[in-house]
Each structure stands twice: as C-alpha cells, then as structure tokens.
N, C-alpha and C. Protein backbone atom coordinates (compact mmCIF):
# COMPACT_ATOMS: atom_id res chain seq x y z
N MET A 1 -12.00 8.20 -12.05
CA MET A 1 -11.29 7.11 -12.29
C MET A 1 -10.98 6.55 -10.52
N THR A 2 -10.91 5.53 -10.71
CA THR A 2 -10.99 4.69 -9.52
C THR A 2 -9.72 4.13 -9.51
N THR A 3 -8.37 4.61 -8.67
CA THR A 3 -6.96 4.27 -8.36
C THR A 3 -6.64 3.91 -7.07
N ASN A 4 -5.83 2.51 -7.16
CA ASN A 4 -5.44 2.20 -5.49
C ASN A 4 -4.59 2.83 -5.08
N THR A 5 -4.60 3.72 -4.10
CA THR A 5 -3.50 5.08 -3.76
C THR A 5 -2.80 4.16 -2.69
N ILE A 6 -2.79 2.85 -2.35
CA ILE A 6 -2.12 2.51 -1.93
C ILE A 6 -0.77 2.30 -2.11
N ALA A 7 -0.87 1.66 -3.79
CA ALA A 7 -0.41 1.55 -5.24
C ALA A 7 0.59 2.62 -5.58
N ILE A 8 -0.21 3.85 -5.84
CA ILE A 8 0.12 5.05 -6.08
C ILE A 8 1.42 5.56 -4.97
N GLY A 9 1.17 5.51 -3.84
CA GLY A 9 2.44 5.66 -2.83
C GLY A 9 3.67 5.16 -2.95
N ARG A 10 3.23 4.08 -2.98
CA ARG A 10 4.51 2.77 -3.21
C ARG A 10 5.08 3.14 -3.84
N ILE A 11 4.67 3.41 -5.01
CA ILE A 11 4.99 3.38 -6.60
C ILE A 11 5.79 4.87 -6.52
N LEU A 12 5.12 6.12 -5.70
CA LEU A 12 5.77 7.41 -6.04
C LEU A 12 7.08 7.53 -4.92
N SER A 13 6.79 6.79 -3.98
CA SER A 13 8.03 6.53 -2.96
C SER A 13 9.22 6.15 -3.86
N ILE A 14 9.16 4.97 -4.44
CA ILE A 14 10.29 4.12 -5.38
C ILE A 14 11.05 5.08 -6.43
N LEU A 15 9.79 6.35 -7.26
CA LEU A 15 9.97 6.85 -8.06
C LEU A 15 11.55 8.05 -7.52
N LEU A 16 10.71 8.80 -6.61
CA LEU A 16 10.91 9.87 -6.08
C LEU A 16 12.62 9.42 -5.41
N GLU A 17 12.46 8.17 -4.87
CA GLU A 17 14.27 7.86 -4.23
C GLU A 17 14.95 7.72 -5.18
N LYS A 18 14.61 6.76 -6.21
CA LYS A 18 15.55 6.49 -7.78
C LYS A 18 15.79 7.99 -8.23
N ALA A 19 15.20 9.03 -8.57
CA ALA A 19 15.26 10.01 -9.07
C ALA A 19 16.03 11.09 -8.17
N GLN A 20 16.18 10.61 -6.62
CA GLN A 20 16.98 11.45 -5.73
C GLN A 20 16.44 12.66 -5.48
N ILE A 21 14.60 12.87 -5.61
CA ILE A 21 14.22 14.29 -5.76
C ILE A 21 13.05 14.04 -4.58
N THR A 22 12.79 15.29 -3.89
CA THR A 22 11.74 15.12 -2.57
C THR A 22 10.44 15.81 -3.32
N GLU A 23 9.46 15.58 -2.49
CA GLU A 23 8.06 15.91 -3.06
C GLU A 23 8.14 17.26 -3.61
N ALA A 24 8.84 18.02 -2.87
CA ALA A 24 8.63 19.53 -2.96
C ALA A 24 9.30 19.94 -4.49
N HIS A 25 10.20 19.30 -4.90
CA HIS A 25 10.90 18.92 -5.78
C HIS A 25 10.49 18.85 -6.88
N LEU A 26 9.37 17.72 -6.81
CA LEU A 26 8.70 16.85 -8.18
C LEU A 26 7.07 18.32 -8.22
N ALA A 27 7.20 18.57 -7.18
CA ALA A 27 5.85 19.87 -7.26
C ALA A 27 6.23 20.91 -8.04
N ARG A 28 7.80 21.39 -7.62
CA ARG A 28 7.87 22.73 -8.29
C ARG A 28 8.01 22.07 -9.97
N MET A 29 8.33 21.04 -10.41
CA MET A 29 9.13 20.78 -11.96
C MET A 29 7.76 20.62 -12.66
N ILE A 30 6.53 20.15 -11.70
CA ILE A 30 5.22 19.97 -12.76
C ILE A 30 4.23 21.12 -12.41
N ASP A 31 4.59 21.75 -11.27
CA ASP A 31 3.64 23.02 -11.29
C ASP A 31 2.41 22.74 -10.26
N MET A 32 2.88 21.92 -9.38
CA MET A 32 1.25 21.21 -8.28
C MET A 32 1.86 21.87 -7.22
N PRO A 33 0.79 22.10 -6.37
CA PRO A 33 1.25 22.40 -5.30
C PRO A 33 1.59 21.02 -4.56
N ARG A 34 2.85 21.41 -3.67
CA ARG A 34 3.62 20.49 -2.44
C ARG A 34 2.58 19.58 -1.85
N ALA A 35 1.61 20.04 -1.37
CA ALA A 35 0.45 19.28 -0.50
C ALA A 35 -0.14 18.41 -0.98
N THR A 36 -0.47 18.48 -2.50
CA THR A 36 -1.34 17.82 -3.34
C THR A 36 -0.26 16.58 -3.41
N ILE A 37 0.72 16.44 -3.62
CA ILE A 37 2.03 15.40 -3.95
C ILE A 37 2.12 14.54 -2.77
N ASN A 38 2.24 15.90 -1.64
CA ASN A 38 2.49 14.46 -0.39
C ASN A 38 1.10 13.85 -0.04
N LYS A 39 -0.27 14.39 -0.22
CA LYS A 39 -1.52 14.06 -0.25
C LYS A 39 -1.55 12.69 -1.21
N ILE A 40 -0.87 12.94 -2.31
CA ILE A 40 -1.04 11.41 -3.17
C ILE A 40 0.03 10.32 -2.58
N HIS A 41 1.10 10.83 -1.98
CA HIS A 41 2.21 10.06 -1.71
C HIS A 41 1.66 9.40 -0.65
N SER A 42 0.94 10.10 0.49
CA SER A 42 0.63 9.37 2.02
C SER A 42 -0.80 8.51 1.34
N GLY A 43 -1.41 8.68 0.50
CA GLY A 43 -2.73 7.80 0.29
C GLY A 43 -3.63 8.75 0.97
N LYS A 44 -3.94 9.94 1.14
CA LYS A 44 -4.61 11.03 1.63
C LYS A 44 -5.73 10.90 0.73
N ILE A 45 -5.58 11.41 -0.26
CA ILE A 45 -5.92 11.77 -1.69
C ILE A 45 -6.59 10.43 -2.37
N LEU A 46 -8.33 10.10 -2.32
CA LEU A 46 -8.45 8.56 -2.59
C LEU A 46 -8.61 8.32 -4.22
N ASP A 47 -8.91 9.21 -4.80
CA ASP A 47 -9.10 9.30 -6.35
C ASP A 47 -8.35 10.38 -6.86
N PRO A 48 -7.25 10.50 -6.98
CA PRO A 48 -6.64 11.78 -7.78
C PRO A 48 -6.66 11.73 -9.25
N LYS A 49 -7.05 12.74 -9.37
CA LYS A 49 -7.57 13.64 -10.91
C LYS A 49 -6.26 12.76 -12.24
N SER A 50 -6.73 12.35 -13.29
CA SER A 50 -6.19 11.78 -14.25
C SER A 50 -5.24 12.97 -14.75
N SER A 51 -5.79 14.08 -14.86
CA SER A 51 -4.79 15.36 -15.07
C SER A 51 -3.34 15.23 -14.30
N THR A 52 -3.65 15.07 -12.40
CA THR A 52 -2.62 14.90 -11.98
C THR A 52 -1.67 14.06 -12.12
N LEU A 53 -2.46 12.58 -12.21
CA LEU A 53 -1.67 11.35 -12.88
C LEU A 53 -0.66 11.51 -13.65
N THR A 54 -1.50 12.21 -14.65
CA THR A 54 -0.92 12.47 -16.07
C THR A 54 0.60 13.07 -15.88
N LEU A 55 0.82 14.40 -15.38
CA LEU A 55 1.86 15.00 -14.99
C LEU A 55 2.73 14.23 -14.44
N ILE A 56 2.54 13.55 -12.88
CA ILE A 56 3.43 12.71 -12.27
C ILE A 56 4.21 11.44 -13.38
N ALA A 57 3.20 10.69 -14.31
CA ALA A 57 3.71 9.50 -14.80
C ALA A 57 4.45 10.37 -15.56
N ASN A 58 3.95 11.44 -16.92
CA ASN A 58 5.21 12.06 -17.87
C ASN A 58 6.42 12.70 -17.19
N TYR A 59 6.52 13.45 -15.89
CA TYR A 59 7.70 13.11 -15.39
C TYR A 59 8.52 12.61 -15.28
N PHE A 60 8.36 11.27 -14.72
CA PHE A 60 9.10 9.97 -14.45
C PHE A 60 9.23 9.11 -15.86
N GLY A 61 8.75 9.20 -17.00
CA GLY A 61 8.33 8.69 -17.96
C GLY A 61 8.03 7.46 -18.11
N ILE A 62 6.79 7.44 -17.04
CA ILE A 62 6.07 6.16 -17.38
C ILE A 62 4.79 6.69 -17.87
N THR A 63 3.53 5.35 -17.80
CA THR A 63 2.58 5.34 -17.84
C THR A 63 1.54 5.54 -16.59
N ILE A 64 0.59 5.67 -17.14
CA ILE A 64 -0.51 6.44 -15.98
C ILE A 64 -0.49 4.58 -15.19
N ASP A 65 -0.86 3.83 -16.02
CA ASP A 65 -1.05 2.50 -15.40
C ASP A 65 -0.01 1.97 -14.89
N GLN A 66 1.48 2.26 -14.92
CA GLN A 66 2.25 1.99 -14.12
C GLN A 66 2.75 2.36 -12.70
N LEU A 67 2.30 4.02 -13.06
CA LEU A 67 1.91 4.81 -11.76
C LEU A 67 0.86 4.08 -10.75
N VAL A 68 -0.31 3.50 -11.18
CA VAL A 68 -1.06 3.12 -10.66
C VAL A 68 -0.91 1.54 -10.11
N GLY A 69 0.16 0.97 -10.78
CA GLY A 69 0.24 -0.27 -9.95
C GLY A 69 -0.07 -1.12 -11.46
N ASN A 70 -0.57 -1.19 -12.13
CA ASN A 70 -1.55 -2.19 -13.28
C ASN A 70 0.30 -2.83 -14.03
C-alpha cells in the first residue's frame, strides 16, 4: 500500500491535538512502539503497514482512507 506520508503526518497531528493526547499515549492505547508512531507522524516511515494504519484509524474512529487523506 503506497500512502501519502505527508498527509498522514498532518492528519495524525490534527487527531492527536483534537484528542489532546501525545504520541506516547496513542502508542500505549494501541499497543505499538512510540517510535513507530513518531516515525509515522514525522513522515519517516514511507509506507506504513495497513495493520498499523488500521489500529490508528480505529482508535480515532475514522477510516484508513480518512487517515491517509483521501
């Protein structure tokens, strides 16, 4: 799955801010390393796994399409 990492990072920023949580809190809630969340947030992971995107999207109650900016 090829995704727009810039869009994901921006959208994740908005979601984190709206939920008033940190990367670390999100990571704990979805049982994922904080470093993974940080790399997605900063655009360092160029092609996040669909399973990772699913966990993030489900946490925020959105679709993967919404998370990737479609």
